[in-house]
Amino acid sequence: MSKESMKAREKKRRKMVRKYANKRAKLKAEGDYIGLSRLPRNSSPVRLHNRCQITGRPRGYMRQFGVSRITFREMASKGLIPGVKKASW
């Protein structure tokens, strides 16, 4: 479980990336790198990091489900994810 401040920081970054996306694309198309450097650092999509929606864990993230591998395994075992079942052979 990550700290609430880390989750909040990531949420703030996502909001800022959405806010400046059009402006950033326009400046990039024009080749205005000085203008790009004047935008806030957190408005860059490179600074985003995928986190588990439930626990906030930054590692072992599964894009298809939006959760970490540990949370995914728990949810799959409980039958909370439709179409997923434990393999056995």
N, C-alpha and C. Protein backbone atom coordinates (compact mmCIF):
# COMPACT_ATOMS: atom_id res chain seq x y z
N MET A 1 0.84 -1.17 0.00
CA MET A 1 0.00 0.00 0.00
C MET A 1 0.89 1.24 0.00
N SER A 2 0.71 2.08 -0.99
CA SER A 2 1.53 3.29 -1.06
C SER A 2 0.89 4.41 -0.24
N LYS A 3 1.68 5.43 0.01
CA LYS A 3 1.18 6.57 0.78
C LYS A 3 0.12 7.31 -0.02
N GLU A 4 -0.81 7.89 0.68
CA GLU A 4 -1.88 8.66 0.03
C GLU A 4 -1.30 9.85 -0.74
N SER A 5 -0.20 10.41 -0.22
CA SER A 5 0.41 11.55 -0.90
C SER A 5 0.94 11.17 -2.28
N MET A 6 1.44 9.94 -2.41
CA MET A 6 1.95 9.48 -3.71
C MET A 6 0.80 9.31 -4.70
N LYS A 7 -0.31 8.76 -4.22
CA LYS A 7 -1.48 8.60 -5.08
C LYS A 7 -2.00 9.97 -5.53
N ALA A 8 -2.04 10.91 -4.59
CA ALA A 8 -2.53 12.26 -4.89
C ALA A 8 -1.61 12.96 -5.88
N ARG A 9 -0.31 12.79 -5.73
CA ARG A 9 0.66 13.41 -6.62
C ARG A 9 0.49 12.89 -8.04
N GLU A 10 0.27 11.58 -8.15
CA GLU A 10 0.08 10.97 -9.47
C GLU A 10 -1.21 11.46 -10.12
N LYS A 11 -2.26 11.60 -9.31
CA LYS A 11 -3.54 12.10 -9.82
C LYS A 11 -3.39 13.54 -10.32
N LYS A 12 -2.62 14.34 -9.57
CA LYS A 12 -2.37 15.73 -9.94
C LYS A 12 -1.61 15.80 -11.27
N ARG A 13 -0.63 14.91 -11.44
CA ARG A 13 0.14 14.88 -12.69
C ARG A 13 -0.76 14.52 -13.87
N ARG A 14 -1.62 13.52 -13.70
CA ARG A 14 -2.53 13.12 -14.78
C ARG A 14 -3.42 14.29 -15.20
N LYS A 15 -3.91 15.03 -14.21
CA LYS A 15 -4.77 16.18 -14.49
C LYS A 15 -4.00 17.24 -15.27
N MET A 16 -2.75 17.48 -14.88
CA MET A 16 -1.93 18.50 -15.53
C MET A 16 -1.57 18.09 -16.96
N VAL A 17 -1.32 16.81 -17.18
CA VAL A 17 -1.00 16.31 -18.53
C VAL A 17 -2.20 16.54 -19.46
N ARG A 18 -3.41 16.24 -18.96
CA ARG A 18 -4.61 16.47 -19.77
C ARG A 18 -4.80 17.96 -20.07
N LYS A 19 -4.53 18.79 -19.08
CA LYS A 19 -4.73 20.25 -19.22
C LYS A 19 -3.83 20.84 -20.31
N TYR A 20 -2.57 20.40 -20.35
CA TYR A 20 -1.60 20.99 -21.27
C TYR A 20 -1.37 20.17 -22.54
N ALA A 21 -2.14 19.12 -22.76
CA ALA A 21 -1.90 18.23 -23.90
C ALA A 21 -1.98 18.97 -25.24
N ASN A 22 -3.02 19.77 -25.44
CA ASN A 22 -3.19 20.48 -26.71
C ASN A 22 -2.08 21.51 -26.93
N LYS A 23 -1.78 22.26 -25.89
CA LYS A 23 -0.74 23.29 -25.99
C LYS A 23 0.62 22.65 -26.27
N ARG A 24 0.88 21.55 -25.60
CA ARG A 24 2.14 20.83 -25.78
C ARG A 24 2.26 20.30 -27.21
N ALA A 25 1.19 19.74 -27.74
CA ALA A 25 1.19 19.20 -29.11
C ALA A 25 1.42 20.31 -30.13
N LYS A 26 0.79 21.45 -29.90
CA LYS A 26 0.93 22.59 -30.81
C LYS A 26 2.38 23.09 -30.83
N LEU A 27 2.96 23.25 -29.64
CA LEU A 27 4.35 23.73 -29.55
C LEU A 27 5.32 22.73 -30.17
N LYS A 28 5.04 21.46 -29.98
CA LYS A 28 5.91 20.42 -30.53
C LYS A 28 5.86 20.41 -32.05
N ALA A 29 4.65 20.61 -32.61
CA ALA A 29 4.49 20.64 -34.06
C ALA A 29 5.23 21.82 -34.68
N GLU A 30 5.23 22.93 -33.96
CA GLU A 30 5.92 24.12 -34.44
C GLU A 30 7.44 24.04 -34.24
N GLY A 31 7.87 23.13 -33.41
CA GLY A 31 9.30 23.00 -33.12
C GLY A 31 9.78 24.03 -32.11
N ASP A 32 8.86 24.57 -31.33
CA ASP A 32 9.19 25.59 -30.33
C ASP A 32 9.59 24.92 -29.01
N TYR A 33 10.85 24.54 -28.92
CA TYR A 33 11.32 23.82 -27.74
C TYR A 33 11.54 24.75 -26.55
N ILE A 34 11.73 26.01 -26.81
CA ILE A 34 11.85 26.98 -25.71
C ILE A 34 10.48 27.14 -25.04
N GLY A 35 9.44 27.20 -25.85
CA GLY A 35 8.08 27.28 -25.32
C GLY A 35 7.71 26.03 -24.53
N LEU A 36 8.16 24.89 -25.05
CA LEU A 36 7.91 23.62 -24.34
C LEU A 36 8.60 23.61 -22.98
N SER A 37 9.81 24.15 -22.92
CA SER A 37 10.55 24.14 -21.67
C SER A 37 9.93 25.06 -20.62
N ARG A 38 9.11 26.00 -21.07
CA ARG A 38 8.46 26.91 -20.13
C ARG A 38 7.19 26.33 -19.51
N LEU A 39 6.70 25.23 -20.08
CA LEU A 39 5.52 24.57 -19.50
C LEU A 39 5.93 23.89 -18.19
N PRO A 40 4.97 23.64 -17.31
CA PRO A 40 5.30 22.96 -16.05
C PRO A 40 5.86 21.56 -16.30
N ARG A 41 6.81 21.16 -15.48
CA ARG A 41 7.44 19.84 -15.66
C ARG A 41 6.43 18.71 -15.57
N ASN A 42 5.50 18.82 -14.64
CA ASN A 42 4.53 17.75 -14.45
C ASN A 42 3.49 17.66 -15.56
N SER A 43 3.56 18.56 -16.53
CA SER A 43 2.63 18.48 -17.66
C SER A 43 3.15 17.54 -18.75
N SER A 44 4.35 17.02 -18.55
CA SER A 44 4.93 16.09 -19.52
C SER A 44 4.42 14.67 -19.25
N PRO A 45 3.90 13.99 -20.27
CA PRO A 45 3.38 12.63 -20.07
C PRO A 45 4.45 11.62 -19.68
N VAL A 46 5.72 11.94 -19.91
CA VAL A 46 6.81 11.04 -19.55
C VAL A 46 6.90 10.87 -18.03
N ARG A 47 6.47 11.88 -17.30
CA ARG A 47 6.58 11.84 -15.84
C ARG A 47 5.49 11.01 -15.17
N LEU A 48 4.51 10.55 -15.94
CA LEU A 48 3.45 9.70 -15.38
C LEU A 48 4.00 8.31 -15.09
N HIS A 49 3.45 7.69 -14.06
CA HIS A 49 3.85 6.33 -13.72
C HIS A 49 2.59 5.53 -13.44
N ASN A 50 2.47 4.37 -14.06
CA ASN A 50 1.29 3.54 -13.83
C ASN A 50 1.28 3.02 -12.40
N ARG A 51 0.12 3.13 -11.75
CA ARG A 51 -0.03 2.64 -10.38
C ARG A 51 -1.31 1.83 -10.28
N CYS A 52 -1.30 0.86 -9.37
CA CYS A 52 -2.49 0.05 -9.09
C CYS A 52 -3.60 0.97 -8.61
N GLN A 53 -4.80 0.80 -9.15
CA GLN A 53 -5.93 1.66 -8.78
C GLN A 53 -6.38 1.41 -7.35
N ILE A 54 -6.11 0.23 -6.83
CA ILE A 54 -6.59 -0.12 -5.50
C ILE A 54 -5.55 0.16 -4.43
N THR A 55 -4.33 -0.34 -4.62
CA THR A 55 -3.30 -0.19 -3.59
C THR A 55 -2.32 0.94 -3.86
N GLY A 56 -2.19 1.37 -5.11
CA GLY A 56 -1.25 2.42 -5.46
C GLY A 56 0.16 1.89 -5.71
N ARG A 57 0.31 0.58 -5.76
CA ARG A 57 1.62 -0.04 -5.98
C ARG A 57 2.14 0.32 -7.37
N PRO A 58 3.41 0.82 -7.47
CA PRO A 58 3.94 1.24 -8.76
C PRO A 58 4.56 0.12 -9.58
N ARG A 59 4.90 -0.98 -8.95
CA ARG A 59 5.56 -2.08 -9.67
C ARG A 59 4.60 -3.23 -9.90
N GLY A 60 4.89 -4.02 -10.93
CA GLY A 60 4.07 -5.18 -11.23
C GLY A 60 2.68 -4.79 -11.71
N TYR A 61 2.58 -3.69 -12.44
CA TYR A 61 1.31 -3.16 -12.92
C TYR A 61 0.87 -3.91 -14.17
N MET A 62 -0.40 -4.30 -14.23
CA MET A 62 -0.95 -4.98 -15.40
C MET A 62 -1.88 -4.01 -16.12
N ARG A 63 -1.46 -3.54 -17.28
CA ARG A 63 -2.21 -2.52 -18.02
C ARG A 63 -3.63 -2.94 -18.36
N GLN A 64 -3.78 -4.18 -18.75
CA GLN A 64 -5.08 -4.66 -19.20
C GLN A 64 -6.15 -4.54 -18.11
N PHE A 65 -5.73 -4.66 -16.85
CA PHE A 65 -6.68 -4.64 -15.75
C PHE A 65 -6.56 -3.41 -14.86
N GLY A 66 -5.45 -2.69 -14.94
CA GLY A 66 -5.27 -1.47 -14.17
C GLY A 66 -4.93 -1.70 -12.71
N VAL A 67 -4.47 -2.92 -12.39
CA VAL A 67 -4.10 -3.24 -11.01
C VAL A 67 -2.74 -3.93 -10.99
N SER A 68 -2.16 -4.04 -9.79
CA SER A 68 -0.87 -4.72 -9.66
C SER A 68 -1.07 -6.23 -9.72
N ARG A 69 0.01 -6.96 -9.89
CA ARG A 69 -0.06 -8.42 -10.01
C ARG A 69 -0.61 -9.06 -8.74
N ILE A 70 -0.30 -8.49 -7.60
CA ILE A 70 -0.76 -9.05 -6.32
C ILE A 70 -2.27 -8.87 -6.18
N THR A 71 -2.74 -7.67 -6.46
CA THR A 71 -4.18 -7.39 -6.39
C THR A 71 -4.93 -8.21 -7.42
N PHE A 72 -4.34 -8.34 -8.61
CA PHE A 72 -4.95 -9.13 -9.67
C PHE A 72 -5.16 -10.57 -9.22
N ARG A 73 -4.13 -11.14 -8.60
CA ARG A 73 -4.20 -12.54 -8.16
C ARG A 73 -5.29 -12.70 -7.09
N GLU A 74 -5.37 -11.78 -6.16
CA GLU A 74 -6.39 -11.84 -5.11
C GLU A 74 -7.79 -11.75 -5.72
N MET A 75 -7.96 -10.80 -6.64
CA MET A 75 -9.27 -10.61 -7.26
C MET A 75 -9.67 -11.80 -8.12
N ALA A 76 -8.70 -12.36 -8.84
CA ALA A 76 -8.98 -13.53 -9.68
C ALA A 76 -9.37 -14.73 -8.84
N SER A 77 -8.71 -14.91 -7.70
CA SER A 77 -9.01 -16.03 -6.81
C SER A 77 -10.42 -15.92 -6.22
N LYS A 78 -10.84 -14.69 -5.96
CA LYS A 78 -12.17 -14.46 -5.41
C LYS A 78 -13.26 -14.46 -6.48
N GLY A 79 -12.83 -14.48 -7.77
CA GLY A 79 -13.79 -14.49 -8.88
C GLY A 79 -14.34 -13.11 -9.20
N LEU A 80 -13.61 -12.07 -8.86
CA LEU A 80 -14.08 -10.71 -9.09
C LEU A 80 -13.78 -10.20 -10.50
N ILE A 81 -12.91 -10.91 -11.22
CA ILE A 81 -12.58 -10.50 -12.59
C ILE A 81 -13.24 -11.50 -13.54
N PRO A 82 -14.22 -11.05 -14.32
CA PRO A 82 -14.92 -11.98 -15.21
C PRO A 82 -14.01 -12.54 -16.30
N GLY A 83 -14.15 -13.83 -16.56
CA GLY A 83 -13.39 -14.49 -17.61
C GLY A 83 -11.99 -14.92 -17.22
N VAL A 84 -11.61 -14.71 -15.98
CA VAL A 84 -10.27 -15.09 -15.54
C VAL A 84 -10.41 -16.18 -14.50
N LYS A 85 -9.65 -17.28 -14.71
CA LYS A 85 -9.64 -18.34 -13.71
C LYS A 85 -8.24 -18.89 -13.59
N LYS A 86 -7.96 -19.49 -12.47
CA LYS A 86 -6.65 -20.01 -12.20
C LYS A 86 -6.36 -21.19 -13.11
N ALA A 87 -5.19 -21.18 -13.72
CA ALA A 87 -4.81 -22.26 -14.63
C ALA A 87 -4.34 -23.47 -13.83
N SER A 88 -4.64 -24.63 -14.33
CA SER A 88 -4.13 -25.87 -13.71
C SER A 88 -3.96 -26.91 -14.81
N TRP A 89 -2.81 -27.54 -14.83
CA TRP A 89 -2.55 -28.59 -15.82
C TRP A 89 -1.63 -29.63 -15.26
